[in-house]
Protein backbone atom coordinates (compact mmCIF):
# COMPACT_ATOMS: atom_id res chain seq x y z
CA UNK A 1 -2.90 19.59 -11.81
CA UNK A 2 -1.20 18.38 -8.59
CA UNK A 3 -3.05 15.60 -6.60
CA UNK A 4 -2.22 14.37 -3.15
CA UNK A 5 -2.36 10.63 -2.97
CA UNK A 6 -2.12 8.67 0.18
CA UNK A 7 -2.01 5.00 1.11
CA UNK A 8 -2.83 3.48 4.46
CA UNK A 9 -3.38 0.03 5.94
CA UNK A 10 -6.27 0.93 8.20
CA UNK A 11 -6.79 -2.47 9.95
CA UNK A 12 -10.52 -2.33 9.81
CA UNK A 13 -12.14 0.72 8.33
CA UNK A 14 -15.18 0.57 10.26
CA UNK A 15 -13.44 0.31 13.67
CA UNK A 16 -11.22 3.22 12.71
CA UNK A 17 -13.57 5.48 10.62
CA UNK A 18 -13.04 8.47 13.04
CA UNK A 19 -9.45 8.12 12.76
CA UNK A 20 -9.60 7.98 8.93
CA UNK A 21 -11.90 11.03 8.66
CA UNK A 22 -9.72 13.04 11.19
CA UNK A 23 -6.61 12.15 8.91
CA UNK A 24 -8.70 13.45 5.72
CA UNK A 25 -9.40 16.73 7.51
CA UNK A 26 -5.87 17.21 8.63
CA UNK A 27 -3.88 16.38 5.73
CA UNK A 28 -6.50 16.63 2.79
CA UNK A 29 -5.42 13.99 0.37
CA UNK A 30 -7.26 13.87 -2.87
CA UNK A 31 -7.15 10.33 -3.20
CA UNK A 32 -6.78 7.78 -0.38
CA UNK A 33 -6.12 4.11 -0.77
CA UNK A 34 -6.88 1.75 2.10
CA UNK A 35 -5.84 -1.67 2.62
CA UNK A 36 -7.31 -4.34 5.20
CA UNK A 37 -10.72 -2.77 5.27
CA UNK A 38 -12.13 -5.92 6.72
CA UNK A 39 -15.70 -5.45 5.44
CA UNK A 40 -17.87 -6.62 2.63
CA UNK A 41 -18.64 -3.93 0.08
CA UNK A 42 -22.32 -3.44 1.44
CA UNK A 43 -21.02 -2.48 4.98
CA UNK A 44 -18.26 -0.01 3.68
CA UNK A 45 -18.94 3.29 5.49
CA UNK A 46 -19.52 5.25 2.16
CA UNK A 47 -21.73 7.97 3.95
CA UNK A 48 -18.83 9.02 6.22
CA UNK A 49 -16.60 9.48 3.14
CA UNK A 50 -19.01 11.36 1.10
CA UNK A 51 -19.75 13.70 4.10
CA UNK A 52 -15.97 14.28 4.10
CA UNK A 53 -15.98 15.40 0.41
CA UNK A 54 -14.89 11.84 -1.05
CA UNK A 55 -17.70 11.24 -3.53
CA UNK A 56 -15.84 8.83 -5.72
CA UNK A 57 -15.32 5.40 -4.18
CA UNK A 58 -14.13 1.94 -5.48
CA UNK A 59 -14.22 -0.90 -3.21
CA UNK A 60 -13.31 -4.47 -3.14
CA UNK A 61 -14.02 -5.95 0.20
CA UNK A 62 -14.86 -9.16 2.01
CA UNK A 63 -16.11 -10.13 5.45
CA UNK A 64 -13.58 -10.15 8.24
CA UNK A 65 -10.39 -10.16 6.07
CA UNK A 66 -8.37 -8.25 3.57
CA UNK A 67 -10.20 -5.81 1.59
CA UNK A 68 -9.04 -2.69 -0.32
CA UNK A 69 -10.69 0.76 -1.15
CA UNK A 70 -9.91 3.95 -2.91
CA UNK A 71 -11.84 6.98 -2.06
CA UNK A 72 -11.31 10.34 -4.08
CA UNK A 73 -12.41 13.98 -4.37
CA UNK A 74 -11.63 13.59 -8.06
CA UNK A 75 -13.84 11.45 -10.47
CA UNK A 76 -12.73 8.10 -11.84
CA UNK A 77 -13.03 7.29 -15.64
CA UNK A 78 -13.27 3.48 -14.70
CA UNK A 79 -12.43 1.14 -11.85
CA UNK A 80 -11.20 -2.36 -11.86
CA UNK A 81 -10.59 -5.14 -9.36
CA UNK A 82 -8.39 -8.22 -10.27
CA UNK A 83 -8.21 -11.58 -8.48
CA UNK A 84 -5.00 -13.21 -7.89
CA UNK A 85 -4.01 -16.90 -7.13
CA UNK A 86 -7.59 -17.99 -7.75
CA UNK A 87 -8.49 -17.46 -4.03
CA UNK A 88 -11.00 -14.81 -4.44
CA UNK A 89 -9.31 -12.54 -2.02
CA UNK A 90 -10.05 -8.92 -1.95
CA UNK A 91 -6.64 -7.57 -2.38
CA UNK A 92 -6.58 -5.25 -5.41
CA UNK A 93 -8.52 -2.39 -6.90
CA UNK A 94 -7.59 0.16 -9.44
CA UNK A 95 -9.07 3.52 -10.50
CA UNK A 96 -8.27 5.30 -13.80
CA UNK A 97 -8.35 9.09 -13.73
CA UNK A 98 -9.65 11.19 -16.55
CA UNK A 99 -6.29 11.79 -17.84
CA UNK A 100 -5.51 8.19 -18.05
CA UNK A 101 -3.36 7.81 -14.97
CA UNK A 102 -4.01 4.45 -13.32
CA UNK A 103 -3.69 4.14 -9.40
CA UNK A 104 -3.37 0.29 -8.34
CA UNK A 105 -4.17 -0.32 -4.85
CA UNK A 106 -2.72 -3.58 -3.33
CA UNK A 107 -2.74 -5.65 -0.22
CA UNK A 108 -0.05 -8.39 -0.60
CA UNK A 109 -0.60 -11.22 1.75
CA UNK A 110 1.48 -10.96 4.95
CA UNK A 111 2.81 -14.58 4.61
CA UNK A 112 2.65 -16.09 8.04
CA UNK A 113 5.43 -16.74 10.52
CA UNK A 114 7.53 -19.33 8.75
CA UNK A 115 9.48 -18.15 5.59
CA UNK A 116 9.41 -21.68 4.02
CA UNK A 117 6.79 -22.28 1.29
CA UNK A 118 7.21 -26.07 1.56
CA UNK A 119 5.85 -26.05 5.19
CA UNK A 120 3.80 -22.68 5.26
CA UNK A 121 1.01 -22.36 2.70
CA UNK A 122 0.60 -18.69 3.69
CA UNK A 123 4.21 -17.94 2.49
CA UNK A 124 3.63 -19.94 -0.59
CA UNK A 125 0.59 -17.98 -1.39
CA UNK A 126 2.65 -14.62 -0.79
CA UNK A 127 5.38 -15.67 -3.29
CA UNK A 128 2.70 -16.80 -5.80
CA UNK A 129 0.78 -13.64 -5.48
CA UNK A 130 3.98 -11.58 -6.10
CA UNK A 131 4.80 -13.78 -9.06
CA UNK A 132 1.16 -13.01 -10.62
CA UNK A 133 1.65 -9.47 -9.98
CA UNK A 134 4.94 -9.46 -11.92
CA UNK A 135 3.59 -11.35 -14.84
CA UNK A 136 0.60 -9.17 -15.07
CA UNK A 137 2.54 -5.95 -15.15
CA UNK A 138 5.21 -7.29 -17.36
CA UNK A 139 2.47 -8.22 -19.74
CA UNK A 140 1.18 -4.71 -19.76
CA UNK A 141 4.58 -3.10 -20.45
CA UNK A 142 3.52 -2.11 -23.98
CA UNK A 143 3.92 1.71 -23.92
CA UNK A 144 6.55 3.94 -22.34
CA UNK A 145 3.84 6.45 -21.91
CA UNK A 146 1.91 4.21 -19.41
CA UNK A 147 1.15 6.56 -16.43
CA UNK A 148 0.74 4.10 -13.62
CA UNK A 149 1.02 4.37 -9.86
CA UNK A 150 1.51 1.11 -7.71
CA UNK A 151 0.77 1.63 -3.92
CA UNK A 152 -0.27 -0.12 -0.83
CA UNK A 153 0.78 -2.55 1.79
CA UNK A 154 3.18 -4.74 -0.07
CA UNK A 155 4.19 -6.35 3.20
CA UNK A 156 7.80 -6.47 2.40
CA UNK A 157 10.70 -4.21 3.58
CA UNK A 158 13.22 -4.65 1.02
CA UNK A 159 16.29 -2.67 1.91
CA UNK A 160 18.70 -2.70 4.72
CA UNK A 161 17.49 0.54 6.22
CA UNK A 162 13.85 -0.31 5.78
CA UNK A 163 13.99 -2.39 9.01
CA UNK A 164 15.30 -1.48 12.60
CA UNK A 165 17.88 -4.29 12.50
CA UNK A 166 18.72 -5.83 9.13
CA UNK A 167 20.77 -8.85 10.47
CA UNK A 168 18.11 -9.88 12.94
CA UNK A 169 15.25 -9.59 10.56
CA UNK A 170 16.88 -11.69 7.65
CA UNK A 171 15.00 -14.60 8.77
CA UNK A 172 11.71 -12.88 9.76
CA UNK A 173 8.87 -12.89 7.17
CA UNK A 174 8.83 -9.47 5.44
CA UNK A 175 12.53 -9.05 5.16
CA UNK A 176 13.84 -12.39 3.95
CA UNK A 177 15.94 -12.77 0.85
CA UNK A 178 13.38 -14.77 -0.97
CA UNK A 179 10.78 -12.03 -0.59
CA UNK A 180 13.24 -9.32 -1.31
CA UNK A 181 14.17 -10.96 -4.71
CA UNK A 182 10.47 -11.44 -5.72
CA UNK A 183 9.83 -7.71 -4.90
CA UNK A 184 12.82 -6.83 -7.11
CA UNK A 185 11.40 -8.82 -10.01
CA UNK A 186 8.14 -7.03 -9.56
CA UNK A 187 9.87 -3.60 -9.58
CA UNK A 188 11.69 -4.62 -12.76
CA UNK A 189 8.43 -5.82 -14.38
CA UNK A 190 7.36 -2.26 -15.35
CA UNK A 191 10.65 -0.22 -14.45
CA UNK A 192 8.88 0.91 -11.36
CA UNK A 193 10.35 3.96 -9.31
CA UNK A 194 10.38 3.63 -5.72
CA UNK A 195 9.37 7.18 -4.88
CA UNK A 196 10.30 6.90 -1.10
CA UNK A 197 13.90 5.97 -1.92
CA UNK A 198 14.27 8.40 -4.66
CA UNK A 199 13.43 11.20 -2.33
CA UNK A 200 14.80 9.70 0.76
CA UNK A 201 17.93 7.65 0.01
CA UNK A 202 19.70 5.11 2.04
CA UNK A 203 21.11 5.05 4.60
CA UNK A 204 18.24 7.15 6.15
CA UNK A 205 15.78 4.80 7.81
CA UNK A 206 12.14 4.79 6.82
CA UNK A 207 9.51 2.85 8.64
CA UNK A 208 5.73 2.88 8.08
CA UNK A 209 4.71 0.01 10.44
CA UNK A 210 5.28 -0.49 14.02
CA UNK A 211 3.99 -3.56 15.95
CA UNK A 212 1.08 -3.28 18.53
CA UNK A 213 3.41 -5.57 20.80
CA UNK A 214 5.59 -2.72 21.90
CA UNK A 215 4.40 -0.87 24.95
CA UNK A 216 6.01 2.28 23.74
CA UNK A 217 6.28 1.82 19.88
CA UNK A 218 7.71 5.34 19.36
CA UNK A 219 10.56 4.88 21.94
CA UNK A 220 11.43 1.49 20.78
CA UNK A 221 10.96 2.47 17.14
CA UNK A 222 11.48 -1.07 15.91
CA UNK A 223 9.71 -0.26 12.54
CA UNK A 224 9.56 -1.63 9.01
CA UNK A 225 8.72 -0.05 5.67
CA UNK A 226 5.86 -2.17 4.40
CA UNK A 227 3.76 0.44 2.76
CA UNK A 228 5.13 1.67 -0.73
CA UNK A 229 4.38 4.00 -3.59
CA UNK A 230 5.94 3.29 -6.98
CA UNK A 231 5.47 5.04 -10.26
CA UNK A 232 6.16 4.07 -13.78
CA UNK A 233 8.94 6.11 -15.76
CA UNK A 234 6.33 8.25 -17.52
CA UNK A 235 5.62 9.68 -14.10
CA UNK A 236 9.43 10.19 -13.25
CA UNK A 237 9.93 13.51 -11.66
CA UNK A 238 6.18 14.19 -11.28
CA UNK A 239 5.98 12.45 -7.93
CA UNK A 240 7.25 14.56 -5.03
CA UNK A 241 7.22 15.64 -1.41
CA UNK A 242 6.53 12.05 -0.09
CA UNK A 243 6.07 11.84 3.63
CA UNK A 244 5.43 9.23 6.14
CA UNK A 245 2.70 10.58 8.53
CA UNK A 246 4.22 8.91 11.64
CA UNK A 247 2.34 10.97 14.13
CA UNK A 248 -0.91 9.43 13.00
CA UNK A 249 0.37 6.11 14.38
CA UNK A 250 0.04 7.64 17.75
CA UNK A 251 -3.46 8.84 17.40
CA UNK A 252 -6.25 7.29 19.58
CA UNK A 253 -7.23 3.77 18.29
CA UNK A 254 -4.46 3.63 15.61
CA UNK A 255 -3.69 1.32 12.94
CA UNK A 256 -0.33 -0.44 13.33
CA UNK A 257 0.64 1.29 9.98
CA UNK A 258 1.15 5.05 9.30
CA UNK A 259 -0.23 6.55 6.13
CA UNK A 260 2.17 7.51 3.30
CA UNK A 261 1.42 10.68 1.22
CA UNK A 262 2.84 12.20 -1.82
CA UNK A 263 2.12 14.80 -4.45
CA UNK A 264 1.63 13.91 -7.98
CA UNK A 265 1.71 16.04 -11.09
CA UNK A 266 -0.83 14.69 -13.65
């Protein structure tokens, strides 16, 4: 069976529910992982998703901030939400499919503006969050047959061609060396495979986020690749046809992120 799996930072699921349902209708993912849903569980627009054919829903939300959700046409064997850094932020939810494949949906903290953990608590939190992720997955690295997908808004553009200007952004949060190093350690924690960069190697540029501040974001094209899909070696070669749905960034009432979608043979 081949599943279409998508990830998308929606920047308020209630505000953009029409945009989401239009995306579901046009691109038809079997599983959609959303970040920055910005609503508590009881306010999540489940009816709209069920009406669109997504009967299976796992949510971990909170009022006004953060929040993740996974909606699916295929059933879940189980769901799980893990808290990180003792803050109670809603930044992770995972679903296990009936074949044992786990899909981990993450929203990593953005980190504020100053890339110095000594003066910026938000940046310190981001680094701590990444460290906890790394330790958790390293501790689960017990079987070579583990079929895991890690995806979401990781809020880091790690490679030179994941940003519009490498030199200019080296001191900008999301592309600083300390963040890139932490993300590399996370990638090593379970020998994760970066699906986008396997299929679209450098030096080709890939962006998934464009700031709202640009009057004409498409013409300026000052993007960053903040949204990622990784798989463990057990799924190597089974992930294909990854695409950034850039046109969706230009739809009415858009998120500043574009969805990323791939096909996975399970």
